[in-house]
N, C-alpha and C. Protein backbone atom coordinates (compact mmCIF):
# COMPACT_ATOMS: atom_id res chain seq x y z
N MET A 1 -8.79 -47.77 8.68
CA MET A 1 -7.80 -46.66 8.94
C MET A 1 -7.79 -46.16 8.24
N VAL A 2 -7.78 -44.62 8.53
CA VAL A 2 -8.33 -43.51 7.38
C VAL A 2 -7.18 -43.04 6.92
N ASN A 3 -6.33 -42.37 5.75
CA ASN A 3 -5.56 -42.28 5.19
C ASN A 3 -5.19 -40.63 5.41
N LEU A 4 -4.25 -40.04 6.54
CA LEU A 4 -4.31 -39.14 6.92
C LEU A 4 -4.18 -37.62 5.43
N ALA A 5 -3.18 -38.37 4.43
CA ALA A 5 -3.63 -37.59 3.12
C ALA A 5 -5.02 -37.01 2.49
N ASP A 6 -5.38 -38.22 2.94
CA ASP A 6 -6.96 -38.10 2.19
C ASP A 6 -7.45 -37.18 3.20
N SER A 7 -7.89 -37.69 4.05
CA SER A 7 -8.34 -36.39 5.39
C SER A 7 -8.52 -35.14 5.17
N ILE A 8 -6.34 -34.61 5.34
CA ILE A 8 -6.44 -33.70 4.83
C ILE A 8 -6.37 -33.53 4.20
N HIS A 9 -6.69 -33.81 2.92
CA HIS A 9 -7.11 -33.05 0.99
C HIS A 9 -8.70 -32.67 0.99
N ALA A 10 -9.34 -33.60 2.20
CA ALA A 10 -10.76 -33.10 2.44
C ALA A 10 -11.08 -31.78 3.13
N MET A 11 -10.31 -31.43 3.54
CA MET A 11 -10.73 -30.38 4.86
C MET A 11 -10.52 -28.87 4.15
N CYS A 12 -11.31 -27.86 4.20
CA CYS A 12 -11.05 -26.56 3.50
C CYS A 12 -10.23 -25.87 4.77
N ILE A 13 -9.18 -25.95 4.66
CA ILE A 13 -8.88 -25.25 5.20
C ILE A 13 -8.37 -23.21 4.76
N ILE A 14 -8.86 -22.25 5.64
CA ILE A 14 -9.15 -20.71 4.61
C ILE A 14 -7.59 -20.17 4.98
N ILE A 15 -7.28 -19.97 6.64
CA ILE A 15 -6.33 -19.81 7.08
C ILE A 15 -5.03 -20.24 8.38
N LEU A 16 -4.01 -19.95 7.94
CA LEU A 16 -3.13 -20.78 9.06
C LEU A 16 -2.07 -19.63 9.44
N LEU A 17 -1.96 -19.80 10.30
CA LEU A 17 -0.62 -18.43 11.13
C LEU A 17 0.70 -19.14 11.65
N PHE A 18 1.62 -18.05 11.11
CA PHE A 18 2.45 -18.83 11.72
C PHE A 18 3.79 -17.63 12.03
N ALA A 19 2.90 -17.67 13.83
CA ALA A 19 4.09 -16.19 14.26
C ALA A 19 2.89 -14.75 14.07
N ASP A 20 4.16 -14.29 12.74
CA ASP A 20 3.55 -13.21 12.35
C ASP A 20 3.24 -13.23 11.31
N ASP A 21 3.12 -14.17 10.28
CA ASP A 21 2.76 -14.99 8.91
C ASP A 21 1.84 -15.37 8.95
N MET A 22 0.89 -15.78 7.62
CA MET A 22 -0.50 -15.59 7.92
C MET A 22 -0.19 -16.45 6.14
N VAL A 23 -1.37 -18.00 5.78
CA VAL A 23 -1.27 -18.35 4.88
C VAL A 23 -3.06 -18.77 4.38
N LEU A 24 -3.32 -17.93 3.29
CA LEU A 24 -4.44 -18.04 3.72
C LEU A 24 -4.90 -19.36 1.96
N MET A 25 -5.84 -20.00 2.16
CA MET A 25 -5.98 -20.79 0.92
C MET A 25 -7.47 -21.05 0.46
N GLY A 26 -7.38 -21.19 -0.86
CA GLY A 26 -8.75 -21.29 -1.83
C GLY A 26 -8.82 -22.11 -2.67
N ASN A 27 -10.27 -22.66 -2.94
CA ASN A 27 -10.01 -23.94 -4.14
C ASN A 27 -10.62 -22.78 -5.34
N SER A 28 -10.68 -21.63 -5.57
CA SER A 28 -10.42 -20.93 -6.78
C SER A 28 -10.11 -19.51 -6.73
N VAL A 29 -10.02 -19.24 -8.08
CA VAL A 29 -9.99 -17.28 -7.69
C VAL A 29 -10.93 -16.63 -6.90
N ILE A 30 -12.20 -16.99 -7.31
CA ILE A 30 -12.80 -15.80 -6.78
C ILE A 30 -12.58 -16.79 -5.26
N ASP A 31 -12.60 -17.91 -4.61
CA ASP A 31 -11.92 -17.85 -3.11
C ASP A 31 -11.51 -17.08 -2.56
N LEU A 32 -9.64 -16.95 -2.82
CA LEU A 32 -8.97 -17.03 -2.49
C LEU A 32 -9.16 -14.76 -2.44
N GLN A 33 -9.69 -15.09 -3.25
CA GLN A 33 -9.91 -13.05 -3.53
C GLN A 33 -10.74 -12.86 -2.37
N ASN A 34 -11.77 -13.57 -2.16
CA ASN A 34 -12.85 -13.42 -0.88
C ASN A 34 -12.50 -13.38 0.36
N PHE A 35 -11.20 -14.25 0.35
CA PHE A 35 -10.53 -13.89 1.71
C PHE A 35 -9.57 -13.01 1.26
N LEU A 36 -8.72 -12.87 0.79
CA LEU A 36 -8.21 -11.20 0.94
C LEU A 36 -9.07 -10.32 1.72
N ASN A 37 -10.34 -9.91 0.20
CA ASN A 37 -11.25 -8.81 0.48
C ASN A 37 -11.59 -9.02 2.75
N LYS A 38 -11.98 -10.49 2.80
CA LYS A 38 -12.41 -10.25 4.24
C LYS A 38 -10.90 -9.99 5.09
N LEU A 39 -10.07 -10.49 4.83
CA LEU A 39 -8.83 -10.19 5.32
C LEU A 39 -8.87 -8.43 5.59
N GLN A 40 -8.89 -7.84 4.43
CA GLN A 40 -8.66 -6.11 4.15
C GLN A 40 -9.82 -5.19 5.47
N SER A 41 -10.89 -6.26 5.39
CA SER A 41 -11.61 -5.48 6.12
C SER A 41 -11.32 -6.14 7.75
N TYR A 42 -10.75 -7.22 8.35
CA TYR A 42 -10.46 -7.26 9.11
C TYR A 42 -9.18 -6.43 9.69
N CYS A 43 -8.71 -6.23 8.74
CA CYS A 43 -7.25 -5.29 9.31
C CYS A 43 -7.38 -3.99 9.17
N ASP A 44 -8.46 -3.72 8.29
CA ASP A 44 -8.74 -1.75 8.29
C ASP A 44 -9.69 -1.85 9.79
N VAL A 45 -10.30 -3.17 10.55
CA VAL A 45 -11.28 -2.56 11.36
C VAL A 45 -10.00 -2.74 12.52
N CYS A 46 -9.45 -3.42 12.91
CA CYS A 46 -8.29 -3.75 13.78
C CYS A 46 -6.87 -2.68 13.75
N GLY A 47 -7.05 -2.08 12.82
CA GLY A 47 -5.25 -1.06 12.40
C GLY A 47 -4.85 -1.76 12.21
N LEU A 48 -4.53 -3.20 12.02
CA LEU A 48 -3.81 -3.89 11.22
C LEU A 48 -3.18 -3.94 9.24
N LYS A 49 -2.20 -3.57 9.37
CA LYS A 49 -1.43 -3.75 7.77
C LYS A 49 -1.31 -4.46 7.46
N VAL A 50 -1.24 -5.08 6.43
CA VAL A 50 -0.45 -5.90 5.45
C VAL A 50 0.66 -5.72 4.62
N ASN A 51 1.70 -5.87 4.83
CA ASN A 51 2.53 -5.57 3.80
C ASN A 51 2.56 -6.18 2.07
N VAL A 52 2.20 -5.83 1.32
CA VAL A 52 1.90 -5.72 0.22
C VAL A 52 2.93 -6.71 -0.68
N ALA A 53 3.97 -5.60 -0.09
CA ALA A 53 5.08 -5.31 -1.45
C ALA A 53 5.92 -6.98 -1.20
N ILE A 54 5.79 -7.53 0.15
CA ILE A 54 6.34 -9.14 0.24
C ILE A 54 5.18 -10.12 0.31
N THR A 55 4.29 -9.78 -0.01
CA THR A 55 2.73 -10.51 -0.25
C THR A 55 2.84 -11.00 -1.40
N LYS A 56 2.83 -12.87 -1.36
CA LYS A 56 3.03 -13.91 -2.69
C LYS A 56 1.55 -14.49 -3.17
N ILE A 57 1.40 -14.81 -4.03
CA ILE A 57 0.27 -16.02 -4.39
C ILE A 57 1.25 -17.17 -4.82
N VAL A 58 0.75 -18.88 -4.54
CA VAL A 58 1.47 -19.60 -5.04
C VAL A 58 0.11 -20.09 -5.49
N VAL A 59 0.13 -20.60 -6.76
CA VAL A 59 -1.12 -21.46 -7.30
C VAL A 59 -1.14 -23.16 -7.30
N PHE A 60 -1.50 -23.67 -6.85
CA PHE A 60 -0.64 -25.26 -6.80
C PHE A 60 -1.69 -26.37 -7.79
N MET A 61 -1.22 -27.11 -8.42
CA MET A 61 -1.83 -28.14 -8.97
C MET A 61 -2.22 -27.46 -9.78
N LYS A 62 -1.92 -26.64 -10.82
CA LYS A 62 -2.05 -25.73 -12.20
C LYS A 62 -1.66 -26.44 -13.15
N ARG A 63 -2.11 -26.68 -14.06
CA ARG A 63 -1.84 -27.08 -15.77
C ARG A 63 -1.38 -25.92 -16.36
N GLY A 64 -0.94 -25.58 -16.71
CA GLY A 64 0.02 -24.35 -18.05
C GLY A 64 -0.26 -23.04 -17.38
N PRO A 65 0.03 -22.42 -18.00
CA PRO A 65 -0.06 -20.63 -17.55
C PRO A 65 -1.39 -20.42 -17.00
N LEU A 66 -1.06 -19.08 -16.05
CA LEU A 66 -2.45 -18.79 -15.85
C LEU A 66 -3.03 -17.87 -16.96
N ARG A 67 -4.13 -18.03 -16.80
CA ARG A 67 -5.74 -17.17 -17.58
C ARG A 67 -5.14 -15.84 -16.83
N GLN A 68 -5.78 -14.93 -17.79
CA GLN A 68 -5.62 -13.92 -17.63
C GLN A 68 -6.48 -13.12 -16.41
N ASP A 69 -7.56 -14.22 -16.17
CA ASP A 69 -8.46 -13.81 -14.49
C ASP A 69 -8.25 -14.07 -13.69
N GLU A 70 -7.14 -14.86 -13.64
CA GLU A 70 -6.31 -15.51 -12.66
C GLU A 70 -4.91 -14.43 -11.68
N ILE A 71 -6.19 -13.77 -11.47
CA ILE A 71 -4.77 -12.78 -10.29
C ILE A 71 -5.60 -11.85 -9.06
N TRP A 72 -4.63 -11.48 -8.67
CA TRP A 72 -5.99 -11.19 -7.07
C TRP A 72 -4.94 -9.94 -6.87
N ASN A 73 -5.94 -9.31 -6.14
CA ASN A 73 -5.20 -7.91 -5.21
C ASN A 73 -5.49 -7.87 -3.58
N TYR A 74 -5.48 -7.20 -2.96
CA TYR A 74 -5.52 -6.56 -1.58
C TYR A 74 -5.34 -5.13 -2.09
N ASN A 75 -6.80 -4.61 -1.65
CA ASN A 75 -6.53 -2.88 -0.99
C ASN A 75 -6.49 -2.45 -2.14
N GLY A 76 -6.92 -3.02 -3.70
CA GLY A 76 -6.88 -2.52 -4.88
C GLY A 76 -5.06 -2.51 -5.94
N GLN A 77 -4.33 -3.30 -4.88
CA GLN A 77 -2.78 -3.85 -4.85
C GLN A 77 -2.61 -4.69 -5.69
N LEU A 78 -2.17 -4.98 -6.82
CA LEU A 78 -1.89 -6.50 -7.23
C LEU A 78 -1.24 -7.59 -6.60
N LEU A 79 -1.00 -8.34 -6.46
CA LEU A 79 -0.29 -9.55 -5.90
C LEU A 79 0.49 -10.15 -6.60
N GLU A 80 1.72 -10.27 -6.59
CA GLU A 80 2.76 -11.33 -7.57
C GLU A 80 2.46 -12.31 -7.30
N VAL A 81 1.92 -13.36 -7.99
CA VAL A 81 2.20 -15.08 -8.08
C VAL A 81 3.43 -15.35 -8.31
N VAL A 82 3.88 -15.84 -7.66
CA VAL A 82 4.80 -16.83 -7.41
C VAL A 82 4.92 -18.53 -8.14
N GLN A 83 6.09 -19.51 -8.34
CA GLN A 83 6.45 -20.41 -8.11
C GLN A 83 6.61 -20.71 -6.81
């Protein structure tokens, strides 16, 4: 029998949608920034906007403080990292 937790962990989930909310997930700082850039391009083309003021970054499975290069931005605006 396949362990569901192992199956989910093995999947690469890029985006989850909840009504008017969205979750982007990446395996690295670069992955997530690339997804944010692609989201921005998509929103620009479709005339959509992201409310950067309420957009948050959550880092899972990180030991110790964030490094200086562990920052993310959307449309040039720094995104807040929360626990």
